[in-house]
Amino acid sequence: MSRSKTEIGEIRYNAAEQSFEALITFHGETGTRRIPSSFFAPLDTEFEVVGRGLLQAAEARINRPGQMKSRLEKAPTPLPIPQPSAFDWQNFLHGTRAA
């Protein structure tokens, strides 16, 4: 999936697992995918290292079968709704439209 934008959600530290956790959102041409990610590291790890680790872990899981993920496909472009012309409205209001 080609990406145009990637977002890292709120980062939390799970002390029991000694890992950082976040929801990673990949925005692409076909829609949006959200992947839960975890990165094992001590609490005093630099923010840039944590962000890079969470992103790499999510990228490794994105196409793996059986992984928890959310997918939101782009909605198709709606068809335009035809608008009646003024002439159609005039015939409708005055009762001169064809039966």
Foldseek 3Di string as FASTA:
>chain_A
DDFDDKDWADWDADPVQQWIWTWIWGQDPFFIKIAIFIAHDHPPDDPVVNVVRRVVRRVVCVPPPPGDMDTDTDDDDDDDDDDDDPVVVVCVVVVNDDD
